[in-house]
N, C-alpha and C. Protein backbone atom coordinates (compact mmCIF):
# COMPACT_ATOMS: atom_id res chain seq x y z
N MET A 1 146.84 -56.06 -235.10
CA MET A 1 148.11 -55.37 -234.90
C MET A 1 147.93 -53.86 -234.91
N TYR A 2 147.06 -53.38 -235.83
CA TYR A 2 146.88 -51.93 -235.94
C TYR A 2 146.40 -51.33 -234.63
N ASP A 3 145.35 -51.91 -234.03
CA ASP A 3 144.78 -51.36 -232.80
C ASP A 3 145.78 -51.40 -231.65
N ALA A 4 146.54 -52.50 -231.54
CA ALA A 4 147.50 -52.64 -230.44
C ALA A 4 148.64 -51.64 -230.57
N VAL A 5 149.19 -51.54 -231.78
CA VAL A 5 150.30 -50.61 -232.00
C VAL A 5 149.82 -49.17 -231.91
N LYS A 6 148.62 -48.90 -232.42
CA LYS A 6 148.07 -47.54 -232.34
C LYS A 6 147.91 -47.11 -230.89
N ARG A 7 147.45 -48.04 -230.03
CA ARG A 7 147.29 -47.72 -228.61
C ARG A 7 148.64 -47.37 -227.98
N LEU A 8 149.67 -48.14 -228.32
CA LEU A 8 151.01 -47.86 -227.80
C LEU A 8 151.51 -46.50 -228.26
N LEU A 9 151.31 -46.20 -229.55
CA LEU A 9 151.74 -44.91 -230.10
C LEU A 9 150.93 -43.76 -229.51
N ASP A 10 149.65 -44.00 -229.22
CA ASP A 10 148.82 -42.98 -228.58
C ASP A 10 149.40 -42.59 -227.22
N ILE A 11 149.75 -43.60 -226.43
CA ILE A 11 150.28 -43.35 -225.09
C ILE A 11 151.61 -42.60 -225.17
N ILE A 12 152.50 -43.09 -226.03
CA ILE A 12 153.81 -42.43 -226.18
C ILE A 12 153.65 -41.01 -226.70
N GLY A 13 152.82 -40.85 -227.73
CA GLY A 13 152.61 -39.53 -228.32
C GLY A 13 152.00 -38.54 -227.35
N ALA A 14 151.02 -39.00 -226.56
CA ALA A 14 150.35 -38.10 -225.60
C ALA A 14 151.30 -37.70 -224.48
N ILE A 15 152.13 -38.62 -224.02
CA ILE A 15 153.10 -38.30 -222.95
C ILE A 15 154.15 -37.32 -223.46
N VAL A 16 154.68 -37.60 -224.65
CA VAL A 16 155.70 -36.70 -225.23
C VAL A 16 155.13 -35.31 -225.47
N ALA A 17 153.92 -35.24 -226.03
CA ALA A 17 153.28 -33.95 -226.30
C ALA A 17 153.02 -33.19 -225.00
N SER A 18 152.61 -33.91 -223.95
CA SER A 18 152.34 -33.26 -222.66
C SER A 18 153.61 -32.64 -222.10
N ILE A 19 154.73 -33.32 -222.29
CA ILE A 19 156.02 -32.78 -221.82
C ILE A 19 156.43 -31.57 -222.65
N LEU A 20 156.29 -31.68 -223.97
CA LEU A 20 156.68 -30.59 -224.86
C LEU A 20 155.84 -29.33 -224.61
N PHE A 21 154.56 -29.54 -224.32
CA PHE A 21 153.64 -28.42 -224.12
C PHE A 21 153.45 -28.08 -222.64
N LEU A 22 154.34 -28.56 -221.79
CA LEU A 22 154.22 -28.30 -220.35
C LEU A 22 154.11 -26.81 -220.02
N PRO A 23 154.88 -25.92 -220.70
CA PRO A 23 154.71 -24.48 -220.41
C PRO A 23 153.28 -23.99 -220.61
N ILE A 24 152.59 -24.54 -221.63
CA ILE A 24 151.18 -24.16 -221.87
C ILE A 24 150.30 -24.63 -220.72
N PHE A 25 150.54 -25.86 -220.24
CA PHE A 25 149.74 -26.40 -219.14
C PHE A 25 149.96 -25.63 -217.84
N ILE A 26 151.10 -24.96 -217.73
CA ILE A 26 151.39 -24.15 -216.54
C ILE A 26 150.84 -22.73 -216.71
N PHE A 27 151.05 -22.17 -217.90
CA PHE A 27 150.71 -20.77 -218.16
C PHE A 27 149.21 -20.54 -218.32
N LEU A 28 148.54 -21.39 -219.11
CA LEU A 28 147.13 -21.16 -219.43
C LEU A 28 146.21 -21.16 -218.20
N PRO A 29 146.37 -22.09 -217.26
CA PRO A 29 145.50 -22.04 -216.08
C PRO A 29 145.58 -20.73 -215.32
N ILE A 30 146.77 -20.15 -215.27
CA ILE A 30 146.95 -18.86 -214.59
C ILE A 30 146.18 -17.77 -215.35
N VAL A 31 146.32 -17.76 -216.68
CA VAL A 31 145.66 -16.75 -217.52
C VAL A 31 144.14 -16.89 -217.43
N ILE A 32 143.65 -18.13 -217.45
CA ILE A 32 142.20 -18.36 -217.36
C ILE A 32 141.66 -17.87 -216.03
N ALA A 33 142.38 -18.18 -214.95
CA ALA A 33 141.95 -17.76 -213.62
C ALA A 33 141.92 -16.24 -213.49
N LEU A 34 142.93 -15.58 -214.04
CA LEU A 34 142.99 -14.11 -213.97
C LEU A 34 141.89 -13.47 -214.83
N ASP A 35 141.56 -14.11 -215.95
CA ASP A 35 140.59 -13.55 -216.89
C ASP A 35 139.15 -13.75 -216.41
N SER A 36 138.84 -14.97 -215.93
CA SER A 36 137.43 -15.25 -215.60
C SER A 36 137.25 -16.12 -214.36
N GLY A 37 138.31 -16.26 -213.57
CA GLY A 37 138.17 -17.00 -212.32
C GLY A 37 138.22 -18.51 -212.49
N LEU A 38 137.67 -19.21 -211.53
CA LEU A 38 137.66 -20.67 -211.52
C LEU A 38 136.27 -21.16 -211.95
N PRO A 39 136.19 -22.43 -212.38
CA PRO A 39 137.22 -23.46 -212.50
C PRO A 39 138.07 -23.29 -213.75
N ILE A 40 139.19 -23.99 -213.79
CA ILE A 40 140.10 -23.94 -214.93
C ILE A 40 139.63 -24.87 -216.04
N PHE A 41 139.13 -26.02 -215.63
CA PHE A 41 138.77 -27.04 -216.60
C PHE A 41 137.25 -27.14 -216.80
N TYR A 42 136.88 -27.65 -217.96
CA TYR A 42 135.49 -27.94 -218.28
C TYR A 42 135.45 -29.38 -218.79
N CYS A 43 134.58 -30.20 -218.23
CA CYS A 43 134.58 -31.64 -218.55
C CYS A 43 133.21 -32.09 -219.04
N PRO A 44 132.87 -31.82 -220.30
CA PRO A 44 131.57 -32.25 -220.82
C PRO A 44 131.53 -33.76 -221.05
N ILE A 45 130.33 -34.32 -221.01
CA ILE A 45 130.14 -35.73 -221.31
C ILE A 45 130.09 -35.90 -222.83
N ARG A 46 130.86 -36.82 -223.35
CA ARG A 46 130.88 -37.09 -224.79
C ARG A 46 130.63 -38.58 -225.06
N VAL A 47 130.29 -38.87 -226.30
CA VAL A 47 130.04 -40.25 -226.71
C VAL A 47 131.32 -40.84 -227.27
N GLY A 48 131.78 -41.94 -226.67
CA GLY A 48 133.00 -42.58 -227.10
C GLY A 48 132.76 -43.83 -227.93
N LYS A 49 133.77 -44.66 -228.00
CA LYS A 49 133.71 -45.89 -228.79
C LYS A 49 132.58 -46.79 -228.29
N ASN A 50 131.83 -47.35 -229.23
CA ASN A 50 130.69 -48.24 -228.94
C ASN A 50 129.61 -47.56 -228.10
N GLY A 51 129.56 -46.22 -228.18
CA GLY A 51 128.52 -45.47 -227.48
C GLY A 51 128.79 -45.25 -226.01
N LYS A 52 129.95 -45.64 -225.52
CA LYS A 52 130.27 -45.47 -224.11
C LYS A 52 130.54 -43.99 -223.81
N LEU A 53 129.91 -43.46 -222.76
CA LEU A 53 130.08 -42.06 -222.40
C LEU A 53 131.34 -41.86 -221.57
N PHE A 54 131.99 -40.70 -221.77
CA PHE A 54 133.18 -40.36 -220.98
C PHE A 54 133.24 -38.86 -220.79
N GLN A 55 134.05 -38.43 -219.83
CA GLN A 55 134.23 -37.00 -219.58
C GLN A 55 135.44 -36.49 -220.36
N MET A 56 135.19 -35.63 -221.31
CA MET A 56 136.28 -35.00 -222.06
C MET A 56 136.84 -33.83 -221.24
N ILE A 57 138.14 -33.73 -221.19
CA ILE A 57 138.79 -32.67 -220.39
C ILE A 57 139.23 -31.54 -221.32
N LYS A 58 138.79 -30.32 -221.01
CA LYS A 58 139.14 -29.16 -221.81
C LYS A 58 139.47 -28.00 -220.87
N PHE A 59 140.30 -27.07 -221.34
CA PHE A 59 140.43 -25.81 -220.61
C PHE A 59 139.13 -25.03 -220.80
N ARG A 60 138.61 -24.46 -219.73
CA ARG A 60 137.34 -23.73 -219.82
C ARG A 60 137.52 -22.47 -220.66
N SER A 61 136.67 -22.34 -221.69
CA SER A 61 136.74 -21.18 -222.58
C SER A 61 135.48 -20.32 -222.49
N MET A 62 134.51 -20.73 -221.65
CA MET A 62 133.26 -19.98 -221.53
C MET A 62 133.07 -19.43 -220.12
N ARG A 63 132.21 -18.44 -220.03
CA ARG A 63 131.97 -17.77 -218.76
C ARG A 63 131.20 -18.67 -217.79
N MET A 64 131.36 -18.37 -216.51
CA MET A 64 130.53 -18.97 -215.48
C MET A 64 129.42 -17.96 -215.15
N TYR A 65 128.19 -18.45 -214.98
CA TYR A 65 127.06 -17.57 -214.73
C TYR A 65 126.56 -17.76 -213.30
N SER A 66 126.41 -16.66 -212.61
CA SER A 66 125.98 -16.71 -211.21
C SER A 66 124.47 -16.89 -211.11
N VAL A 67 124.07 -17.84 -210.29
CA VAL A 67 122.67 -18.04 -209.93
C VAL A 67 122.63 -18.10 -208.41
N PRO A 68 121.48 -17.90 -207.80
CA PRO A 68 121.42 -17.90 -206.34
C PRO A 68 122.06 -19.13 -205.72
N GLY A 69 123.12 -18.90 -204.95
CA GLY A 69 123.76 -19.97 -204.19
C GLY A 69 124.90 -20.68 -204.89
N LYS A 70 125.06 -20.48 -206.22
CA LYS A 70 126.14 -21.18 -206.92
C LYS A 70 126.40 -20.55 -208.28
N GLN A 71 127.46 -21.06 -208.93
CA GLN A 71 127.76 -20.65 -210.29
C GLN A 71 127.47 -21.80 -211.24
N GLN A 72 127.03 -21.48 -212.44
CA GLN A 72 126.75 -22.51 -213.43
C GLN A 72 127.51 -22.23 -214.71
N HIS A 73 127.86 -23.30 -215.41
CA HIS A 73 128.60 -23.17 -216.66
C HIS A 73 127.69 -22.59 -217.75
N ALA A 74 128.33 -22.11 -218.81
CA ALA A 74 127.61 -21.47 -219.91
C ALA A 74 126.62 -22.39 -220.60
N ASP A 75 126.83 -23.70 -220.54
CA ASP A 75 125.88 -24.63 -221.13
C ASP A 75 124.50 -24.51 -220.48
N THR A 76 124.51 -24.29 -219.15
CA THR A 76 123.25 -24.12 -218.43
C THR A 76 122.57 -22.84 -218.86
N ALA A 77 123.36 -21.78 -219.05
CA ALA A 77 122.81 -20.50 -219.50
C ALA A 77 122.22 -20.64 -220.90
N LEU A 78 122.84 -21.45 -221.73
CA LEU A 78 122.34 -21.65 -223.09
C LEU A 78 120.95 -22.29 -223.07
N LYS A 79 120.75 -23.26 -222.20
CA LYS A 79 119.46 -23.95 -222.13
C LYS A 79 118.34 -23.02 -221.66
N ARG A 80 118.71 -21.95 -220.92
CA ARG A 80 117.70 -21.02 -220.43
C ARG A 80 117.34 -19.96 -221.47
N ASP A 81 118.20 -19.77 -222.48
CA ASP A 81 117.99 -18.76 -223.51
C ASP A 81 117.47 -19.45 -224.78
N LYS A 82 116.16 -19.45 -224.98
CA LYS A 82 115.55 -20.20 -226.07
C LYS A 82 116.01 -19.71 -227.44
N GLU A 83 116.17 -18.40 -227.58
CA GLU A 83 116.58 -17.85 -228.87
C GLU A 83 118.01 -18.27 -229.20
N LEU A 84 118.89 -18.19 -228.19
CA LEU A 84 120.29 -18.58 -228.38
C LEU A 84 120.39 -20.08 -228.64
N LEU A 85 119.60 -20.87 -227.93
CA LEU A 85 119.61 -22.32 -228.10
C LEU A 85 119.16 -22.71 -229.50
N ALA A 86 118.13 -22.03 -230.01
CA ALA A 86 117.64 -22.31 -231.37
C ALA A 86 118.72 -22.02 -232.41
N SER A 87 119.43 -20.91 -232.23
CA SER A 87 120.51 -20.55 -233.14
C SER A 87 121.65 -21.55 -233.06
N TYR A 88 121.94 -22.01 -231.86
CA TYR A 88 123.00 -22.99 -231.59
C TYR A 88 122.71 -24.29 -232.35
N LYS A 89 121.49 -24.77 -232.27
CA LYS A 89 121.14 -26.02 -232.95
C LYS A 89 121.08 -25.84 -234.46
N LYS A 90 120.61 -24.68 -234.89
CA LYS A 90 120.50 -24.41 -236.32
C LYS A 90 121.87 -24.39 -236.99
N ASN A 91 122.89 -23.97 -236.24
CA ASN A 91 124.25 -23.87 -236.78
C ASN A 91 125.11 -25.07 -236.41
N SER A 92 124.49 -26.26 -236.44
CA SER A 92 125.22 -27.52 -236.17
C SER A 92 125.93 -27.50 -234.82
N TYR A 93 125.22 -27.00 -233.81
CA TYR A 93 125.70 -26.99 -232.43
C TYR A 93 126.95 -26.13 -232.26
N LYS A 94 126.98 -25.02 -232.98
CA LYS A 94 128.03 -24.02 -232.85
C LYS A 94 127.40 -22.65 -232.99
N LEU A 95 128.01 -21.64 -232.34
CA LEU A 95 127.58 -20.26 -232.49
C LEU A 95 128.74 -19.44 -233.01
N PRO A 96 128.67 -18.95 -234.25
CA PRO A 96 129.77 -18.17 -234.82
C PRO A 96 130.18 -16.99 -233.95
N GLU A 97 129.21 -16.32 -233.35
CA GLU A 97 129.49 -15.20 -232.45
C GLU A 97 128.90 -15.54 -231.08
N ASP A 98 129.54 -16.43 -230.37
CA ASP A 98 129.01 -16.93 -229.11
C ASP A 98 129.30 -15.95 -227.98
N PRO A 99 128.26 -15.32 -227.40
CA PRO A 99 128.47 -14.33 -226.34
C PRO A 99 128.97 -14.94 -225.03
N ARG A 100 128.95 -16.26 -224.93
CA ARG A 100 129.37 -16.92 -223.69
C ARG A 100 130.88 -17.10 -223.59
N ILE A 101 131.58 -16.95 -224.71
CA ILE A 101 133.02 -17.21 -224.74
C ILE A 101 133.79 -16.04 -224.14
N THR A 102 134.76 -16.35 -223.29
CA THR A 102 135.59 -15.32 -222.66
C THR A 102 136.63 -14.79 -223.65
N THR A 103 137.30 -13.72 -223.27
CA THR A 103 138.35 -13.15 -224.13
C THR A 103 139.47 -14.16 -224.34
N VAL A 104 139.95 -14.75 -223.26
CA VAL A 104 141.00 -15.77 -223.36
C VAL A 104 140.47 -17.01 -224.08
N GLY A 105 139.20 -17.35 -223.81
CA GLY A 105 138.59 -18.51 -224.45
C GLY A 105 138.56 -18.40 -225.96
N ARG A 106 138.30 -17.20 -226.47
CA ARG A 106 138.25 -17.01 -227.92
C ARG A 106 139.62 -17.25 -228.53
N MET A 107 140.67 -16.80 -227.84
CA MET A 107 142.03 -17.02 -228.31
C MET A 107 142.36 -18.52 -228.29
N MET A 108 141.97 -19.20 -227.21
CA MET A 108 142.26 -20.63 -227.10
C MET A 108 141.55 -21.42 -228.18
N ARG A 109 140.29 -21.09 -228.43
CA ARG A 109 139.51 -21.84 -229.42
C ARG A 109 140.05 -21.64 -230.83
N LYS A 110 140.53 -20.44 -231.11
CA LYS A 110 141.07 -20.15 -232.44
C LYS A 110 142.26 -21.04 -232.75
N SER A 111 143.07 -21.32 -231.72
CA SER A 111 144.27 -22.14 -231.89
C SER A 111 144.11 -23.55 -231.33
N SER A 112 142.89 -23.86 -230.82
CA SER A 112 142.57 -25.17 -230.23
C SER A 112 143.38 -25.49 -228.98
N LEU A 113 143.90 -24.47 -228.31
CA LEU A 113 144.64 -24.71 -227.06
C LEU A 113 143.73 -25.26 -225.97
N ASP A 114 142.43 -24.98 -226.06
CA ASP A 114 141.51 -25.49 -225.05
C ASP A 114 141.39 -27.01 -225.10
N GLU A 115 141.80 -27.62 -226.22
CA GLU A 115 141.70 -29.06 -226.39
C GLU A 115 142.91 -29.82 -225.82
N PHE A 116 143.97 -29.12 -225.45
CA PHE A 116 145.21 -29.79 -225.06
C PHE A 116 145.07 -30.75 -223.87
N PRO A 117 144.22 -30.46 -222.88
CA PRO A 117 144.08 -31.42 -221.77
C PRO A 117 143.57 -32.79 -222.21
N GLN A 118 143.08 -32.91 -223.44
CA GLN A 118 142.59 -34.20 -223.91
C GLN A 118 143.71 -35.22 -224.10
N PHE A 119 144.96 -34.77 -224.01
CA PHE A 119 146.05 -35.74 -223.99
C PHE A 119 145.86 -36.72 -222.82
N TRP A 120 145.25 -36.23 -221.73
CA TRP A 120 144.98 -37.11 -220.60
C TRP A 120 143.89 -38.13 -220.97
N ASN A 121 142.89 -37.71 -221.75
CA ASN A 121 141.88 -38.66 -222.24
C ASN A 121 142.52 -39.75 -223.11
N VAL A 122 143.53 -39.35 -223.88
CA VAL A 122 144.23 -40.32 -224.72
C VAL A 122 145.00 -41.32 -223.85
N ILE A 123 145.70 -40.82 -222.85
CA ILE A 123 146.45 -41.70 -221.95
C ILE A 123 145.52 -42.67 -221.24
N ARG A 124 144.33 -42.19 -220.85
CA ARG A 124 143.37 -43.04 -220.15
C ARG A 124 142.68 -44.04 -221.07
N GLY A 125 142.87 -43.89 -222.37
CA GLY A 125 142.29 -44.84 -223.31
C GLY A 125 140.90 -44.49 -223.80
N GLU A 126 140.39 -43.31 -223.44
CA GLU A 126 139.06 -42.89 -223.87
C GLU A 126 139.07 -42.28 -225.26
N MET A 127 140.24 -41.76 -225.66
CA MET A 127 140.39 -41.13 -226.96
C MET A 127 141.68 -41.62 -227.60
N SER A 128 141.83 -41.29 -228.88
CA SER A 128 143.05 -41.59 -229.62
C SER A 128 143.60 -40.27 -230.15
N LEU A 129 144.85 -40.26 -230.57
CA LEU A 129 145.40 -39.04 -231.15
C LEU A 129 144.65 -38.69 -232.44
N VAL A 130 144.28 -39.71 -233.22
CA VAL A 130 143.54 -39.50 -234.47
C VAL A 130 142.30 -40.38 -234.46
N GLY A 131 141.16 -39.80 -234.82
CA GLY A 131 139.93 -40.58 -234.84
C GLY A 131 138.74 -39.70 -235.17
N PRO A 132 137.53 -40.25 -235.14
CA PRO A 132 136.31 -39.47 -235.40
C PRO A 132 136.08 -38.42 -234.32
N ARG A 133 135.15 -37.51 -234.59
CA ARG A 133 134.80 -36.49 -233.61
C ARG A 133 134.01 -37.11 -232.45
N ALA A 134 134.24 -36.60 -231.24
CA ALA A 134 133.47 -37.04 -230.06
C ALA A 134 132.29 -36.09 -229.88
N TYR A 135 131.08 -36.61 -230.01
CA TYR A 135 129.88 -35.78 -229.96
C TYR A 135 129.25 -35.74 -228.57
N LEU A 136 128.52 -34.66 -228.31
CA LEU A 136 127.66 -34.59 -227.14
C LEU A 136 126.51 -35.58 -227.34
N PRO A 137 126.05 -36.26 -226.30
CA PRO A 137 124.98 -37.25 -226.46
C PRO A 137 123.72 -36.69 -227.13
N ASN A 138 123.23 -35.54 -226.63
CA ASN A 138 122.00 -34.97 -227.21
C ASN A 138 122.24 -34.46 -228.63
N GLU A 139 123.46 -33.96 -228.90
CA GLU A 139 123.79 -33.50 -230.24
C GLU A 139 123.73 -34.67 -231.23
N LEU A 140 124.29 -35.80 -230.84
CA LEU A 140 124.32 -36.95 -231.73
C LEU A 140 122.91 -37.44 -232.04
N LEU A 141 122.04 -37.46 -231.04
CA LEU A 141 120.66 -37.91 -231.24
C LEU A 141 119.87 -36.93 -232.11
N GLU A 142 119.97 -35.65 -231.79
CA GLU A 142 119.18 -34.65 -232.51
C GLU A 142 119.67 -34.45 -233.94
N GLN A 143 120.97 -34.56 -234.15
CA GLN A 143 121.48 -34.41 -235.52
C GLN A 143 121.07 -35.59 -236.39
N GLN A 144 120.96 -36.78 -235.80
CA GLN A 144 120.48 -37.92 -236.57
C GLN A 144 119.00 -37.75 -236.95
N ASP A 145 118.25 -37.11 -236.07
CA ASP A 145 116.85 -36.81 -236.39
C ASP A 145 116.77 -35.81 -237.55
N ALA A 146 117.71 -34.85 -237.54
CA ALA A 146 117.73 -33.83 -238.59
C ALA A 146 118.25 -34.41 -239.92
N PHE A 147 119.14 -35.40 -239.82
CA PHE A 147 119.71 -36.03 -241.02
C PHE A 147 119.54 -37.56 -240.90
N PRO A 148 118.31 -38.05 -241.11
CA PRO A 148 118.01 -39.48 -240.87
C PRO A 148 118.90 -40.44 -241.66
N HIS A 149 119.36 -40.01 -242.83
CA HIS A 149 120.18 -40.90 -243.66
C HIS A 149 121.55 -41.18 -243.05
N THR A 150 121.92 -40.43 -241.99
CA THR A 150 123.24 -40.63 -241.38
C THR A 150 123.25 -41.73 -240.32
N LYS A 151 122.09 -42.26 -239.94
CA LYS A 151 122.03 -43.23 -238.85
C LYS A 151 122.91 -44.46 -239.06
N PRO A 152 122.90 -45.06 -240.26
CA PRO A 152 123.82 -46.20 -240.47
C PRO A 152 125.29 -45.79 -240.37
N LEU A 153 125.60 -44.57 -240.82
CA LEU A 153 126.98 -44.08 -240.77
C LEU A 153 127.41 -43.82 -239.33
N VAL A 154 126.49 -43.33 -238.51
CA VAL A 154 126.81 -43.09 -237.10
C VAL A 154 127.18 -44.40 -236.40
N ARG A 155 126.46 -45.48 -236.73
CA ARG A 155 126.79 -46.78 -236.13
C ARG A 155 128.21 -47.21 -236.48
N ILE A 156 128.62 -46.94 -237.72
CA ILE A 156 130.00 -47.25 -238.13
C ILE A 156 130.98 -46.34 -237.41
N MET A 157 130.64 -45.05 -237.33
CA MET A 157 131.51 -44.07 -236.68
C MET A 157 131.80 -44.45 -235.22
N LEU A 158 130.80 -45.00 -234.55
CA LEU A 158 130.95 -45.34 -233.13
C LEU A 158 131.79 -46.59 -232.90
N THR A 159 132.20 -47.27 -233.96
CA THR A 159 133.11 -48.41 -233.80
C THR A 159 134.54 -47.95 -233.60
N GLY A 160 134.80 -46.67 -233.84
CA GLY A 160 136.14 -46.13 -233.67
C GLY A 160 136.26 -45.28 -232.42
N LYS A 161 137.45 -45.23 -231.87
CA LYS A 161 137.70 -44.39 -230.70
C LYS A 161 137.82 -42.93 -231.16
N PRO A 162 137.14 -41.98 -230.50
CA PRO A 162 137.22 -40.58 -230.92
C PRO A 162 138.63 -40.04 -230.82
N GLY A 163 138.94 -39.08 -231.70
CA GLY A 163 140.31 -38.58 -231.77
C GLY A 163 140.48 -37.15 -231.33
N LEU A 164 141.68 -36.86 -230.88
CA LEU A 164 142.07 -35.48 -230.55
C LEU A 164 142.08 -34.65 -231.83
N THR A 165 142.47 -35.28 -232.93
CA THR A 165 142.34 -34.68 -234.25
C THR A 165 141.77 -35.73 -235.18
N GLY A 166 141.37 -35.31 -236.37
CA GLY A 166 140.75 -36.24 -237.30
C GLY A 166 140.33 -35.52 -238.56
N PRO A 167 139.59 -36.19 -239.42
CA PRO A 167 139.25 -35.61 -240.72
C PRO A 167 138.46 -34.32 -240.66
N TRP A 168 137.51 -34.21 -239.71
CA TRP A 168 136.70 -32.98 -239.67
C TRP A 168 137.52 -31.80 -239.16
N GLN A 169 138.48 -32.06 -238.25
CA GLN A 169 139.31 -30.98 -237.70
C GLN A 169 140.21 -30.38 -238.75
N VAL A 170 140.68 -31.21 -239.70
CA VAL A 170 141.62 -30.70 -240.71
C VAL A 170 140.92 -30.28 -242.00
N SER A 171 139.58 -30.37 -242.01
CA SER A 171 138.84 -30.08 -243.25
C SER A 171 137.86 -28.92 -243.12
N GLY A 172 138.02 -28.11 -242.07
CA GLY A 172 137.15 -26.95 -241.94
C GLY A 172 136.39 -26.87 -240.65
N ARG A 173 136.46 -27.90 -239.80
CA ARG A 173 135.83 -27.91 -238.48
C ARG A 173 134.37 -27.44 -238.53
N SER A 174 134.06 -26.32 -237.91
CA SER A 174 132.67 -25.89 -237.76
C SER A 174 132.04 -25.42 -239.07
N ASN A 175 132.85 -25.30 -240.12
CA ASN A 175 132.29 -24.95 -241.42
C ASN A 175 131.61 -26.14 -242.09
N ILE A 176 131.75 -27.34 -241.50
CA ILE A 176 131.20 -28.55 -242.09
C ILE A 176 130.00 -29.02 -241.29
N ASN A 177 128.87 -29.22 -241.95
CA ASN A 177 127.66 -29.69 -241.28
C ASN A 177 127.80 -31.15 -240.85
N PHE A 178 126.89 -31.56 -239.96
CA PHE A 178 126.94 -32.89 -239.36
C PHE A 178 126.98 -34.00 -240.39
N ASP A 179 126.11 -33.93 -241.41
CA ASP A 179 126.04 -35.02 -242.38
C ASP A 179 127.35 -35.19 -243.15
N LYS A 180 128.05 -34.09 -243.39
CA LYS A 180 129.35 -34.16 -244.07
C LYS A 180 130.43 -34.67 -243.11
N ARG A 181 130.35 -34.28 -241.83
CA ARG A 181 131.34 -34.74 -240.84
C ARG A 181 131.30 -36.25 -240.69
N ILE A 182 130.08 -36.79 -240.62
CA ILE A 182 129.93 -38.23 -240.42
C ILE A 182 130.54 -39.00 -241.60
N VAL A 183 130.32 -38.50 -242.81
CA VAL A 183 130.91 -39.14 -243.99
C VAL A 183 132.43 -39.14 -243.89
N LEU A 184 133.01 -38.00 -243.48
CA LEU A 184 134.46 -37.91 -243.34
C LEU A 184 134.98 -38.90 -242.30
N ASP A 185 134.26 -39.00 -241.17
CA ASP A 185 134.69 -39.91 -240.11
C ASP A 185 134.64 -41.36 -240.56
N VAL A 186 133.59 -41.73 -241.27
CA VAL A 186 133.46 -43.11 -241.74
C VAL A 186 134.53 -43.42 -242.80
N GLU A 187 134.80 -42.46 -243.67
CA GLU A 187 135.85 -42.65 -244.68
C GLU A 187 137.20 -42.86 -243.99
N TYR A 188 137.44 -42.11 -242.90
CA TYR A 188 138.68 -42.30 -242.16
C TYR A 188 138.78 -43.72 -241.61
N LEU A 189 137.70 -44.19 -240.99
CA LEU A 189 137.72 -45.53 -240.39
C LEU A 189 137.94 -46.61 -241.43
N LYS A 190 137.43 -46.41 -242.64
CA LYS A 190 137.62 -47.39 -243.70
C LYS A 190 139.03 -47.36 -244.26
N ARG A 191 139.68 -46.19 -244.20
CA ARG A 191 141.02 -46.04 -244.79
C ARG A 191 142.14 -46.07 -243.76
N ARG A 192 141.80 -46.13 -242.47
CA ARG A 192 142.81 -45.91 -241.44
C ARG A 192 144.01 -46.84 -241.56
N SER A 193 145.15 -46.24 -241.33
CA SER A 193 146.44 -46.93 -241.34
C SER A 193 147.42 -46.03 -240.62
N PHE A 194 148.60 -46.53 -240.32
CA PHE A 194 149.59 -45.71 -239.63
C PHE A 194 149.99 -44.51 -240.48
N LEU A 195 150.17 -44.72 -241.77
CA LEU A 195 150.56 -43.62 -242.66
C LEU A 195 149.45 -42.57 -242.74
N TYR A 196 148.19 -43.03 -242.79
CA TYR A 196 147.07 -42.10 -242.86
C TYR A 196 146.94 -41.30 -241.56
N ASP A 197 147.20 -41.95 -240.42
CA ASP A 197 147.17 -41.25 -239.13
C ASP A 197 148.26 -40.18 -239.08
N ILE A 198 149.45 -40.53 -239.56
CA ILE A 198 150.55 -39.55 -239.58
C ILE A 198 150.20 -38.38 -240.48
N TRP A 199 149.56 -38.68 -241.63
CA TRP A 199 149.14 -37.63 -242.56
C TRP A 199 148.12 -36.70 -241.90
N MET A 200 147.19 -37.25 -241.12
CA MET A 200 146.20 -36.45 -240.41
C MET A 200 146.88 -35.54 -239.38
N ILE A 201 147.84 -36.07 -238.66
CA ILE A 201 148.56 -35.28 -237.65
C ILE A 201 149.31 -34.13 -238.32
N LEU A 202 149.96 -34.42 -239.45
CA LEU A 202 150.70 -33.38 -240.16
C LEU A 202 149.77 -32.29 -240.69
N LYS A 203 148.58 -32.68 -241.13
CA LYS A 203 147.61 -31.70 -241.64
C LYS A 203 146.99 -30.87 -240.52
N THR A 204 147.11 -31.36 -239.28
CA THR A 204 146.53 -30.65 -238.14
C THR A 204 147.24 -29.33 -237.89
N PHE A 205 148.56 -29.31 -238.08
CA PHE A 205 149.34 -28.11 -237.76
C PHE A 205 148.94 -26.89 -238.58
N PRO A 206 148.84 -26.99 -239.91
CA PRO A 206 148.36 -25.81 -240.66
C PRO A 206 146.93 -25.44 -240.31
N ALA A 207 146.08 -26.44 -239.97
CA ALA A 207 144.70 -26.15 -239.58
C ALA A 207 144.67 -25.33 -238.29
N LEU A 208 145.58 -25.66 -237.35
CA LEU A 208 145.66 -24.90 -236.10
C LEU A 208 146.18 -23.49 -236.34
N LEU A 209 147.17 -23.38 -237.23
CA LEU A 209 147.77 -22.07 -237.50
C LEU A 209 146.80 -21.12 -238.18
N THR A 210 145.98 -21.64 -239.09
CA THR A 210 145.04 -20.78 -239.80
C THR A 210 143.77 -20.53 -238.99
N GLY A 211 143.43 -21.49 -238.10
CA GLY A 211 142.21 -21.36 -237.30
C GLY A 211 140.95 -21.46 -238.12
N ARG A 212 141.03 -22.05 -239.31
CA ARG A 212 139.87 -22.13 -240.21
C ARG A 212 138.76 -22.98 -239.60
N GLY A 213 137.56 -22.43 -239.51
CA GLY A 213 136.42 -23.15 -238.99
C GLY A 213 136.31 -23.19 -237.48
N ALA A 214 137.26 -22.55 -236.78
CA ALA A 214 137.22 -22.57 -235.31
C ALA A 214 136.27 -21.50 -234.81
N VAL A 215 135.41 -21.88 -233.81
CA VAL A 215 134.51 -20.89 -233.19
C VAL A 215 134.53 -21.09 -231.69
């Protein structure tokens, strides 16, 4: 019953939120285009429930880098900069002072506005309103190598559908290392209930307002 009702509430909640935040969906693409051009969206591959990969939809918050004949996203630029890449991995796949982030992107990330298009991922059934964090495939593999004791916990974490918000988002986000995030996600899956999901959603609002742990 929990999974069936949660799916129904996810669809209703994502549709209602999309309508309520419609001005943001209209305004932000214009601001992004004026600030750093196209494309508006960034769709990284993430690991979903049972290890299934999906494209997460986000407003683009990073610069596009010109190379002969085309433009490439900042992720490509990161792979070419060994020093920056080493710092990125050392800081749990985050850069506190990321030079790739645009002016508008920094504002969006502080308030998590770049995550709003994920309501579409929720409607499509790839994500839930509340759930564990959705990791990059290489991040999930490399972090397990760095923290071998988390491997059994990762298997449990992958039994749940990733969430638009969840325990790591309301507990400090990037201030929490991978091994602590996985514990939080597994604890959520063991305790999950409708009341606990509502509590997570309510805790999300002050986390967004303070921007604690956002980079």
